[in-house]
Amino acid sequence: MPTDWAAWQPGLVATLLFVVKEGQVLLIRKKRGLGAGKINGPGGKLDPGETPEQCAVRETEEELCVRATGVSEAGRLSFQFVDGMKLYCHVFRADDCLGEAQETDEAIPRWTPVDSMPFEEMWADDREWFHLLLSRQKFLGYFDFDDDSMLSCRVDEVSELPR
């Protein structure tokens, strides 16, 4: 049964951040937690009292030892999993970062050309919206998943993100 997105409420709020610089994107191979083994952007759950942007910058520092700069929100993603997990994700784009990306207990860094994204090693929804992040078009995405399998998806381009 498809999710009623109008009535949907998230159980968990998280972030993703993608540094896009000189035709490349800073990605990670996630070592633990949700999506372990997959390639993604750094990110994680909001701490109490933290804004989504503060969370995205903090998580990037913790996972890769770099400080994202020129950060702007690109989109929002809503995920409903068959097991009941409901995840709302703020997606950010950064124009640069300070420092050299380093492997940590959480992630292995990887600079990837924008035209060679490893979508086959990423979450299935990424190929539906990543081009919008690269073109600086704001988006809202709605996805139903059964574990690793995407059951349904909708991505809307928007002029601005909801407050």
C-alpha atoms as a PDB file:
ATOM      1  CA  MET A   1       0.000   0.000   0.000  1.00  0.00           C
ATOM      2  CA  PRO A   2       1.491   3.387  -0.953  1.00  0.00           C
ATOM      3  CA  THR A   3       2.337   5.860   1.774  1.00  0.00           C
ATOM      4  CA  ASP A   4      -0.093   8.712   2.425  1.00  0.00           C
ATOM      5  CA  TRP A   5       2.558  11.444   2.310  1.00  0.00           C
ATOM      6  CA  ALA A   6       0.071  14.183   3.274  1.00  0.00           C
ATOM      7  CA  ALA A   7      -0.478  12.508   6.674  1.00  0.00           C
ATOM      8  CA  TRP A   8       3.056  11.088   7.068  1.00  0.00           C
ATOM      9  CA  GLN A   9       5.173  12.101  10.074  1.00  0.00           C
ATOM     10  CA  PRO A  10       8.892  11.272  10.391  1.00  0.00           C
ATOM     11  CA  GLY A  11      10.281   9.235  13.245  1.00  0.00           C
ATOM     12  CA  LEU A  12      13.877  10.285  12.629  1.00  0.00           C
ATOM     13  CA  VAL A  13      15.396  13.467  11.155  1.00  0.00           C
ATOM     14  CA  ALA A  14      18.823  13.319   9.540  1.00  0.00           C
ATOM     15  CA  THR A  15      21.085  15.067   7.033  1.00  0.00           C
ATOM     16  CA  LEU A  16      23.307  14.386   4.041  1.00  0.00           C
ATOM     17  CA  LEU A  17      25.969  16.736   2.682  1.00  0.00           C
ATOM     18  CA  PHE A  18      27.719  16.596  -0.686  1.00  0.00           C
ATOM     19  CA  VAL A  19      30.797  18.750  -1.349  1.00  0.00           C
ATOM     20  CA  VAL A  20      30.831  19.519  -5.093  1.00  0.00           C
ATOM     21  CA  LYS A  21      34.142  21.011  -6.203  1.00  0.00           C
ATOM     22  CA  GLU A  22      35.952  21.233  -9.556  1.00  0.00           C
ATOM     23  CA  GLY A  23      33.723  18.648 -11.233  1.00  0.00           C
ATOM     24  CA  GLN A  24      33.987  16.149  -8.383  1.00  0.00           C
ATOM     25  CA  VAL A  25      31.832  15.119  -5.435  1.00  0.00           C
ATOM     26  CA  LEU A  26      33.169  14.089  -2.034  1.00  0.00           C
ATOM     27  CA  LEU A  27      31.484  10.793  -1.187  1.00  0.00           C
ATOM     28  CA  ILE A  28      31.970   8.205   1.524  1.00  0.00           C
ATOM     29  CA  ARG A  29      31.823   4.465   1.768  1.00  0.00           C
ATOM     30  CA  LYS A  30      29.837   4.050   4.976  1.00  0.00           C
ATOM     31  CA  LYS A  31      31.431   1.657   7.448  1.00  0.00           C
ATOM     32  CA  ARG A  32      28.590   1.274   9.983  1.00  0.00           C
ATOM     33  CA  GLY A  33      24.959   2.107  10.727  1.00  0.00           C
ATOM     34  CA  LEU A  34      22.105   2.463   8.234  1.00  0.00           C
ATOM     35  CA  GLY A  35      23.484   1.885   4.750  1.00  0.00           C
ATOM     36  CA  ALA A  36      26.792   0.364   5.889  1.00  0.00           C
ATOM     37  CA  GLY A  37      28.809  -0.648   2.827  1.00  0.00           C
ATOM     38  CA  LYS A  38      27.002   1.790   0.540  1.00  0.00           C
ATOM     39  CA  ILE A  39      28.449   4.914  -1.039  1.00  0.00           C
ATOM     40  CA  ASN A  40      26.722   8.118   0.051  1.00  0.00           C
ATOM     41  CA  GLY A  41      27.427  11.600   1.334  1.00  0.00           C
ATOM     42  CA  PRO A  42      28.401  12.145   4.957  1.00  0.00           C
ATOM     43  CA  GLY A  43      25.521  12.805   7.317  1.00  0.00           C
ATOM     44  CA  GLY A  44      23.595  11.614  10.314  1.00  0.00           C
ATOM     45  CA  LYS A  45      20.959  12.289  12.936  1.00  0.00           C
ATOM     46  CA  LEU A  46      20.268  15.726  14.380  1.00  0.00           C
ATOM     47  CA  ASP A  47      21.350  16.324  17.965  1.00  0.00           C
ATOM     48  CA  PRO A  48      18.905  18.134  20.298  1.00  0.00           C
ATOM     49  CA  GLY A  49      18.906  21.892  19.640  1.00  0.00           C
ATOM     50  CA  GLU A  50      20.884  21.541  16.429  1.00  0.00           C
ATOM     51  CA  THR A  51      19.738  22.942  13.075  1.00  0.00           C
ATOM     52  CA  PRO A  52      19.892  20.643  10.043  1.00  0.00           C
ATOM     53  CA  GLU A  53      22.757  22.695   8.566  1.00  0.00           C
ATOM     54  CA  GLN A  54      24.733  22.522  11.831  1.00  0.00           C
ATOM     55  CA  CYS A  55      24.175  18.764  11.866  1.00  0.00           C
ATOM     56  CA  ALA A  56      25.335  18.313   8.261  1.00  0.00           C
ATOM     57  CA  VAL A  57      28.535  20.312   8.876  1.00  0.00           C
ATOM     58  CA  ARG A  58      29.235  18.502  12.185  1.00  0.00           C
ATOM     59  CA  GLU A  59      28.657  15.048  10.715  1.00  0.00           C
ATOM     60  CA  THR A  60      30.951  15.850   7.771  1.00  0.00           C
ATOM     61  CA  GLU A  61      33.676  16.919  10.207  1.00  0.00           C
ATOM     62  CA  GLU A  62      33.202  13.785  12.318  1.00  0.00           C
ATOM     63  CA  GLU A  63      33.125  11.389   9.359  1.00  0.00           C
ATOM     64  CA  LEU A  64      35.801  12.953   7.108  1.00  0.00           C
ATOM     65  CA  CYS A  65      37.784  15.481   9.213  1.00  0.00           C
ATOM     66  CA  VAL A  66      36.934  18.371   6.833  1.00  0.00           C
ATOM     67  CA  ARG A  67      34.831  21.489   7.348  1.00  0.00           C
ATOM     68  CA  ALA A  68      32.279  22.110   4.591  1.00  0.00           C
ATOM     69  CA  THR A  69      32.036  25.695   3.320  1.00  0.00           C
ATOM     70  CA  GLY A  70      29.524  27.429   1.058  1.00  0.00           C
ATOM     71  CA  VAL A  71      26.770  25.172   2.420  1.00  0.00           C
ATOM     72  CA  SER A  72      23.190  25.467   1.134  1.00  0.00           C
ATOM     73  CA  GLU A  73      20.163  23.216   1.449  1.00  0.00           C
ATOM     74  CA  ALA A  74      19.415  21.429  -1.823  1.00  0.00           C
ATOM     75  CA  GLY A  75      16.416  19.278  -0.992  1.00  0.00           C
ATOM     76  CA  ARG A  76      14.466  17.123   1.407  1.00  0.00           C
ATOM     77  CA  LEU A  77      13.823  13.398   1.244  1.00  0.00           C
ATOM     78  CA  SER A  78      11.090  11.403   2.990  1.00  0.00           C
ATOM     79  CA  PHE A  79      11.573   7.663   3.404  1.00  0.00           C
ATOM     80  CA  GLN A  80       9.022   5.121   4.565  1.00  0.00           C
ATOM     81  CA  PHE A  81      10.411   1.644   5.183  1.00  0.00           C
ATOM     82  CA  VAL A  82       8.255  -1.493   5.300  1.00  0.00           C
ATOM     83  CA  ASP A  83       9.720  -2.261   8.752  1.00  0.00           C
ATOM     84  CA  GLY A  84       8.123   0.970  10.048  1.00  0.00           C
ATOM     85  CA  MET A  85      11.147   3.292  10.035  1.00  0.00           C
ATOM     86  CA  LYS A  86      10.238   6.813   8.875  1.00  0.00           C
ATOM     87  CA  LEU A  87      13.216   8.992   7.940  1.00  0.00           C
ATOM     88  CA  TYR A  88      13.195  12.666   6.899  1.00  0.00           C
ATOM     89  CA  CYS A  89      16.483  13.856   5.431  1.00  0.00           C
ATOM     90  CA  HIS A  90      17.717  17.392   4.750  1.00  0.00           C
ATOM     91  CA  VAL A  91      20.150  17.279   1.808  1.00  0.00           C
ATOM     92  CA  PHE A  92      22.887  19.910   1.565  1.00  0.00           C
ATOM     93  CA  ARG A  93      25.402  20.914  -1.066  1.00  0.00           C
ATOM     94  CA  ALA A  94      28.724  22.561  -0.201  1.00  0.00           C
ATOM     95  CA  ASP A  95      30.999  24.384  -2.642  1.00  0.00           C
ATOM     96  CA  ASP A  96      34.248  23.487  -0.859  1.00  0.00           C
ATOM     97  CA  CYS A  97      35.777  22.136   2.319  1.00  0.00           C
ATOM     98  CA  LEU A  98      38.704  22.994   4.535  1.00  0.00           C
ATOM     99  CA  GLY A  99      41.209  20.249   5.218  1.00  0.00           C
ATOM    100  CA  GLU A 100      42.024  16.923   3.578  1.00  0.00           C
ATOM    101  CA  ALA A 101      39.364  14.206   3.766  1.00  0.00           C
ATOM    102  CA  GLN A 102      40.536  11.319   5.964  1.00  0.00           C
ATOM    103  CA  GLU A 103      39.230   7.850   6.738  1.00  0.00           C
ATOM    104  CA  THR A 104      37.574   7.527  10.143  1.00  0.00           C
ATOM    105  CA  ASP A 105      35.808   4.758  12.077  1.00  0.00           C
ATOM    106  CA  GLU A 106      32.621   5.755  10.235  1.00  0.00           C
ATOM    107  CA  ALA A 107      33.641   6.403   6.642  1.00  0.00           C
ATOM    108  CA  ILE A 108      36.173   6.040   3.830  1.00  0.00           C
ATOM    109  CA  PRO A 109      36.370   9.239   1.704  1.00  0.00           C
ATOM    110  CA  ARG A 110      36.281   9.185  -2.077  1.00  0.00           C
ATOM    111  CA  TRP A 111      36.364  12.074  -4.560  1.00  0.00           C
ATOM    112  CA  THR A 112      34.304  11.042  -7.592  1.00  0.00           C
ATOM    113  CA  PRO A 113      33.851  12.823 -10.950  1.00  0.00           C
ATOM    114  CA  VAL A 114      30.252  14.077 -11.251  1.00  0.00           C
ATOM    115  CA  ASP A 115      29.863  12.194 -14.531  1.00  0.00           C
ATOM    116  CA  SER A 116      30.951   8.869 -12.964  1.00  0.00           C
ATOM    117  CA  MET A 117      28.661   8.582  -9.960  1.00  0.00           C
ATOM    118  CA  PRO A 118      28.662   4.979  -8.626  1.00  0.00           C
ATOM    119  CA  PHE A 119      24.861   4.757  -8.473  1.00  0.00           C
ATOM    120  CA  GLU A 120      24.998   0.947  -8.467  1.00  0.00           C
ATOM    121  CA  GLU A 121      26.693   1.163  -5.022  1.00  0.00           C
ATOM    122  CA  MET A 122      24.398   3.895  -3.658  1.00  0.00           C
ATOM    123  CA  TRP A 123      20.806   3.921  -2.391  1.00  0.00           C
ATOM    124  CA  ALA A 124      18.384   3.427  -5.293  1.00  0.00           C
ATOM    125  CA  ASP A 125      16.744   6.831  -4.752  1.00  0.00           C
ATOM    126  CA  ASP A 126      19.986   8.766  -5.362  1.00  0.00           C
ATOM    127  CA  ARG A 127      19.795   8.432  -9.152  1.00  0.00           C
ATOM    128  CA  GLU A 128      16.308  10.027  -9.012  1.00  0.00           C
ATOM    129  CA  TRP A 129      17.400  13.349  -7.467  1.00  0.00           C
ATOM    130  CA  PHE A 130      21.192  13.704  -7.570  1.00  0.00           C
ATOM    131  CA  HIS A 131      21.150  15.517 -10.943  1.00  0.00           C
ATOM    132  CA  LEU A 132      18.941  18.172  -9.313  1.00  0.00           C
ATOM    133  CA  LEU A 133      21.503  18.713  -6.532  1.00  0.00           C
ATOM    134  CA  LEU A 134      24.229  19.141  -9.160  1.00  0.00           C
ATOM    135  CA  SER A 135      22.142  21.660 -11.153  1.00  0.00           C
ATOM    136  CA  ARG A 136      21.169  23.564  -7.971  1.00  0.00           C
ATOM    137  CA  GLN A 137      17.471  22.820  -8.498  1.00  0.00           C
ATOM    138  CA  LYS A 138      15.609  22.413  -5.182  1.00  0.00           C
ATOM    139  CA  PHE A 139      13.690  19.159  -4.738  1.00  0.00           C
ATOM    140  CA  LEU A 140      11.417  17.125  -2.498  1.00  0.00           C
ATOM    141  CA  GLY A 141      11.569  13.333  -2.704  1.00  0.00           C
ATOM    142  CA  TYR A 142       9.196  10.658  -1.402  1.00  0.00           C
ATOM    143  CA  PHE A 143      10.321   7.033  -1.306  1.00  0.00           C
ATOM    144  CA  ASP A 144       8.979   3.704  -0.076  1.00  0.00           C
ATOM    145  CA  PHE A 145      11.617   1.066   0.652  1.00  0.00           C
ATOM    146  CA  ASP A 146      11.609  -2.568   1.685  1.00  0.00           C
ATOM    147  CA  ASP A 147      15.054  -2.831   3.281  1.00  0.00           C
ATOM    148  CA  ASP A 148      17.334  -2.085   0.316  1.00  0.00           C
ATOM    149  CA  SER A 149      14.703  -2.206  -2.439  1.00  0.00           C
ATOM    150  CA  MET A 150      12.908   0.943  -3.595  1.00  0.00           C
ATOM    151  CA  LEU A 151       9.196   0.197  -3.993  1.00  0.00           C
ATOM    152  CA  SER A 152       8.025   3.629  -5.134  1.00  0.00           C
ATOM    153  CA  CYS A 153       9.431   7.077  -5.715  1.00  0.00           C
ATOM    154  CA  ARG A 154       8.337  10.609  -6.514  1.00  0.00           C
ATOM    155  CA  VAL A 155      10.631  13.614  -6.873  1.00  0.00           C
ATOM    156  CA  ASP A 156       9.216  17.121  -7.210  1.00  0.00           C
ATOM    157  CA  GLU A 157      11.256  20.124  -8.325  1.00  0.00           C
ATOM    158  CA  VAL A 158      10.339  23.160  -6.192  1.00  0.00           C
ATOM    159  CA  SER A 159      11.211  26.843  -6.298  1.00  0.00           C
ATOM    160  CA  GLU A 160      11.858  26.884  -2.557  1.00  0.00           C
ATOM    161  CA  LEU A 161      11.915  24.405   0.291  1.00  0.00           C
ATOM    162  CA  PRO A 162       9.189  24.439   2.966  1.00  0.00           C
ATOM    163  CA  ARG A 163       9.921  26.284   6.187  1.00  0.00           C
END
